[in-house]
Amino acid sequence: MDIFSKIAAGEIPSYKCAESEKFYAFLDINPLQKGHTLVIPRREVDYVFDMDDDEIGEYMQFAKKVAVALKRACPCVKVGMAVLGLEVPHAHIHLVPMQSEKDMRFGKETLKLTEEEFKATAAAIYDEFQKL
């Protein structure tokens, strides 16, 4: 079981933002911006484009719902989306609140948030997700 599967299973603590039977969303612990969220399938699959068409469609619909909740909880111009996935061998989408395109610059120094900031942000996104 990889680290993201352990997070989705609750074996490793996370700041849960949303979940369904097939997908899980949680805050990135090294965020580019406050609210930076990772969306994963619960099923272990290394690469997003290895998913079958129906599954990837459901995954994108779930990610869209998370992005709407994220934008409501962390007001921004847009929510950026990136699919990278070289560091962890488990498909994941990055959703990042953006005021400008530079907010999506991976490789820059990440934010240092307090435990309270992480908890409050995750709770706000989760609450908005429940309303959808």
C-alpha atoms as a PDB file:
ATOM      1  CA  MET A   1       0.000   0.000   0.000  1.00  0.00           C
ATOM      2  CA  ASP A   2       1.479   3.369  -1.006  1.00  0.00           C
ATOM      3  CA  ILE A   3       1.468   6.528   1.136  1.00  0.00           C
ATOM      4  CA  PHE A   4      -1.604   8.066  -0.558  1.00  0.00           C
ATOM      5  CA  SER A   5      -3.579   4.834  -0.098  1.00  0.00           C
ATOM      6  CA  LYS A   6      -2.635   4.867   3.581  1.00  0.00           C
ATOM      7  CA  ILE A   7      -3.798   8.497   3.821  1.00  0.00           C
ATOM      8  CA  ALA A   8      -7.140   7.700   2.156  1.00  0.00           C
ATOM      9  CA  ALA A   9      -7.580   4.680   4.453  1.00  0.00           C
ATOM     10  CA  GLY A  10      -6.959   6.837   7.540  1.00  0.00           C
ATOM     11  CA  GLU A  11      -3.749   5.015   8.455  1.00  0.00           C
ATOM     12  CA  ILE A  12      -1.778   8.255   8.058  1.00  0.00           C
ATOM     13  CA  PRO A  13      -3.383  11.495   9.290  1.00  0.00           C
ATOM     14  CA  SER A  14      -4.443  14.086   6.722  1.00  0.00           C
ATOM     15  CA  TYR A  15      -6.434  17.279   6.439  1.00  0.00           C
ATOM     16  CA  LYS A  16      -9.499  15.826   4.690  1.00  0.00           C
ATOM     17  CA  CYS A  17     -11.304  18.173   2.318  1.00  0.00           C
ATOM     18  CA  ALA A  18     -13.697  15.764   0.574  1.00  0.00           C
ATOM     19  CA  GLU A  19     -14.302  12.083  -0.016  1.00  0.00           C
ATOM     20  CA  SER A  20     -16.451   9.590  -1.828  1.00  0.00           C
ATOM     21  CA  GLU A  21     -16.400   5.836  -2.166  1.00  0.00           C
ATOM     22  CA  LYS A  22     -13.887   6.087  -5.038  1.00  0.00           C
ATOM     23  CA  PHE A  23     -11.953   9.329  -4.392  1.00  0.00           C
ATOM     24  CA  TYR A  24     -10.340  11.331  -1.586  1.00  0.00           C
ATOM     25  CA  ALA A  25      -9.145  14.939  -1.330  1.00  0.00           C
ATOM     26  CA  PHE A  26      -6.800  16.371   1.279  1.00  0.00           C
ATOM     27  CA  LEU A  27      -4.568  19.386   1.809  1.00  0.00           C
ATOM     28  CA  ASP A  28      -1.011  19.269   0.508  1.00  0.00           C
ATOM     29  CA  ILE A  29       1.300  19.578   3.527  1.00  0.00           C
ATOM     30  CA  ASN A  30       3.739  21.623   1.423  1.00  0.00           C
ATOM     31  CA  PRO A  31       1.266  24.006  -0.191  1.00  0.00           C
ATOM     32  CA  LEU A  32       1.944  26.462  -2.982  1.00  0.00           C
ATOM     33  CA  GLN A  33      -1.020  28.488  -1.714  1.00  0.00           C
ATOM     34  CA  LYS A  34      -3.379  28.226   1.240  1.00  0.00           C
ATOM     35  CA  GLY A  35      -5.950  25.605   0.249  1.00  0.00           C
ATOM     36  CA  HIS A  36      -3.646  23.632  -2.097  1.00  0.00           C
ATOM     37  CA  THR A  37      -5.488  20.315  -2.309  1.00  0.00           C
ATOM     38  CA  LEU A  38      -4.584  16.881  -3.656  1.00  0.00           C
ATOM     39  CA  VAL A  39      -7.310  14.731  -5.211  1.00  0.00           C
ATOM     40  CA  ILE A  40      -6.622  11.007  -5.499  1.00  0.00           C
ATOM     41  CA  PRO A  41      -8.430   7.855  -6.534  1.00  0.00           C
ATOM     42  CA  ARG A  42      -8.708   5.392  -3.664  1.00  0.00           C
ATOM     43  CA  ARG A  43      -7.680   2.664  -6.094  1.00  0.00           C
ATOM     44  CA  GLU A  44      -3.922   2.448  -6.494  1.00  0.00           C
ATOM     45  CA  VAL A  45      -3.033   3.559  -9.989  1.00  0.00           C
ATOM     46  CA  ASP A  46       0.295   5.201 -10.767  1.00  0.00           C
ATOM     47  CA  TYR A  47      -0.679   7.478 -13.638  1.00  0.00           C
ATOM     48  CA  VAL A  48      -3.898   9.403 -14.226  1.00  0.00           C
ATOM     49  CA  PHE A  49      -3.948   8.445 -17.894  1.00  0.00           C
ATOM     50  CA  ASP A  50      -3.763   4.736 -17.020  1.00  0.00           C
ATOM     51  CA  MET A  51      -7.332   5.005 -15.697  1.00  0.00           C
ATOM     52  CA  ASP A  52     -10.128   3.762 -17.938  1.00  0.00           C
ATOM     53  CA  ASP A  53     -12.419   6.335 -19.570  1.00  0.00           C
ATOM     54  CA  ASP A  54     -15.337   5.941 -17.158  1.00  0.00           C
ATOM     55  CA  GLU A  55     -13.099   6.136 -14.092  1.00  0.00           C
ATOM     56  CA  ILE A  56     -11.210   9.194 -15.295  1.00  0.00           C
ATOM     57  CA  GLY A  57     -14.535  10.860 -16.083  1.00  0.00           C
ATOM     58  CA  GLU A  58     -15.782  10.242 -12.538  1.00  0.00           C
ATOM     59  CA  TYR A  59     -12.419  11.399 -11.165  1.00  0.00           C
ATOM     60  CA  MET A  60     -12.621  14.696 -13.045  1.00  0.00           C
ATOM     61  CA  GLN A  61     -16.209  15.239 -11.921  1.00  0.00           C
ATOM     62  CA  PHE A  62     -15.150  14.681  -8.313  1.00  0.00           C
ATOM     63  CA  ALA A  63     -12.159  17.029  -8.760  1.00  0.00           C
ATOM     64  CA  LYS A  64     -14.461  19.675 -10.261  1.00  0.00           C
ATOM     65  CA  LYS A  65     -16.733  19.498  -7.216  1.00  0.00           C
ATOM     66  CA  VAL A  66     -13.684  19.825  -4.929  1.00  0.00           C
ATOM     67  CA  ALA A  67     -12.485  22.825  -6.984  1.00  0.00           C
ATOM     68  CA  VAL A  68     -15.866  24.549  -6.596  1.00  0.00           C
ATOM     69  CA  ALA A  69     -15.766  23.972  -2.827  1.00  0.00           C
ATOM     70  CA  LEU A  70     -12.147  25.159  -2.700  1.00  0.00           C
ATOM     71  CA  LYS A  71     -12.950  28.387  -4.550  1.00  0.00           C
ATOM     72  CA  ARG A  72     -15.804  29.108  -2.131  1.00  0.00           C
ATOM     73  CA  ALA A  73     -13.652  28.365   0.930  1.00  0.00           C
ATOM     74  CA  CYS A  74     -10.503  30.143  -0.332  1.00  0.00           C
ATOM     75  CA  PRO A  75     -11.679  33.009  -2.545  1.00  0.00           C
ATOM     76  CA  CYS A  76      -9.487  33.317  -5.630  1.00  0.00           C
ATOM     77  CA  VAL A  77      -9.645  34.277  -9.294  1.00  0.00           C
ATOM     78  CA  LYS A  78      -9.492  30.639 -10.431  1.00  0.00           C
ATOM     79  CA  VAL A  79      -8.483  27.231  -9.155  1.00  0.00           C
ATOM     80  CA  GLY A  80      -5.516  25.891 -11.097  1.00  0.00           C
ATOM     81  CA  MET A  81      -5.145  22.194 -11.835  1.00  0.00           C
ATOM     82  CA  ALA A  82      -1.937  20.260 -12.408  1.00  0.00           C
ATOM     83  CA  VAL A  83      -1.229  16.584 -12.935  1.00  0.00           C
ATOM     84  CA  LEU A  84       2.397  15.810 -12.127  1.00  0.00           C
ATOM     85  CA  GLY A  85       2.892  12.659 -10.124  1.00  0.00           C
ATOM     86  CA  LEU A  86       6.583  11.841 -10.304  1.00  0.00           C
ATOM     87  CA  GLU A  87       7.262  11.982  -6.564  1.00  0.00           C
ATOM     88  CA  VAL A  88       4.472   9.651  -5.406  1.00  0.00           C
ATOM     89  CA  PRO A  89       3.525   6.635  -7.543  1.00  0.00           C
ATOM     90  CA  HIS A  90      -0.211   7.224  -7.110  1.00  0.00           C
ATOM     91  CA  ALA A  91      -2.344   9.307  -9.467  1.00  0.00           C
ATOM     92  CA  HIS A  92      -3.136  12.743  -8.059  1.00  0.00           C
ATOM     93  CA  ILE A  93      -4.405  16.115  -9.151  1.00  0.00           C
ATOM     94  CA  HIS A  94      -3.167  19.335  -7.577  1.00  0.00           C
ATOM     95  CA  LEU A  95      -5.855  22.000  -7.117  1.00  0.00           C
ATOM     96  CA  VAL A  96      -4.360  25.386  -6.242  1.00  0.00           C
ATOM     97  CA  PRO A  97      -6.227  28.648  -5.529  1.00  0.00           C
ATOM     98  CA  MET A  98      -4.780  31.264  -7.889  1.00  0.00           C
ATOM     99  CA  GLN A  99      -4.706  35.024  -7.942  1.00  0.00           C
ATOM    100  CA  SER A 100      -2.204  34.853 -10.819  1.00  0.00           C
ATOM    101  CA  GLU A 101      -0.458  32.153 -12.831  1.00  0.00           C
ATOM    102  CA  LYS A 102       2.690  32.473 -10.717  1.00  0.00           C
ATOM    103  CA  ASP A 103       0.723  30.845  -7.881  1.00  0.00           C
ATOM    104  CA  MET A 104       1.051  27.545  -9.786  1.00  0.00           C
ATOM    105  CA  ARG A 105       4.847  27.689  -9.971  1.00  0.00           C
ATOM    106  CA  PHE A 106       6.010  24.351  -8.643  1.00  0.00           C
ATOM    107  CA  GLY A 107       9.550  24.378  -7.293  1.00  0.00           C
ATOM    108  CA  LYS A 108       9.129  27.669  -5.451  1.00  0.00           C
ATOM    109  CA  GLU A 109       9.298  27.822  -1.677  1.00  0.00           C
ATOM    110  CA  THR A 110       6.123  26.424  -0.151  1.00  0.00           C
ATOM    111  CA  LEU A 111       4.013  28.041   2.553  1.00  0.00           C
ATOM    112  CA  LYS A 112       4.488  27.220   6.195  1.00  0.00           C
ATOM    113  CA  LEU A 113       1.046  26.993   7.776  1.00  0.00           C
ATOM    114  CA  THR A 114       0.165  26.261  11.386  1.00  0.00           C
ATOM    115  CA  GLU A 115      -1.795  23.200  12.453  1.00  0.00           C
ATOM    116  CA  GLU A 116      -4.735  25.501  13.155  1.00  0.00           C
ATOM    117  CA  GLU A 117      -4.555  27.013   9.643  1.00  0.00           C
ATOM    118  CA  PHE A 118      -4.497  23.562   8.044  1.00  0.00           C
ATOM    119  CA  LYS A 119      -7.443  22.366  10.147  1.00  0.00           C
ATOM    120  CA  ALA A 120      -9.525  25.487   9.535  1.00  0.00           C
ATOM    121  CA  THR A 121      -8.845  25.445   5.783  1.00  0.00           C
ATOM    122  CA  ALA A 122      -9.669  21.748   5.427  1.00  0.00           C
ATOM    123  CA  ALA A 123     -12.852  22.188   7.478  1.00  0.00           C
ATOM    124  CA  ALA A 124     -13.948  25.140   5.337  1.00  0.00           C
ATOM    125  CA  ILE A 125     -13.416  23.198   2.097  1.00  0.00           C
ATOM    126  CA  TYR A 126     -15.142  20.119   3.542  1.00  0.00           C
ATOM    127  CA  ASP A 127     -18.143  22.211   4.637  1.00  0.00           C
ATOM    128  CA  GLU A 128     -18.462  23.761   1.175  1.00  0.00           C
ATOM    129  CA  PHE A 129     -18.117  20.347  -0.466  1.00  0.00           C
ATOM    130  CA  GLN A 130     -20.998  19.018   1.647  1.00  0.00           C
ATOM    131  CA  LYS A 131     -23.255  21.801   0.338  1.00  0.00           C
ATOM    132  CA  LEU A 132     -22.773  20.726  -3.301  1.00  0.00           C
END
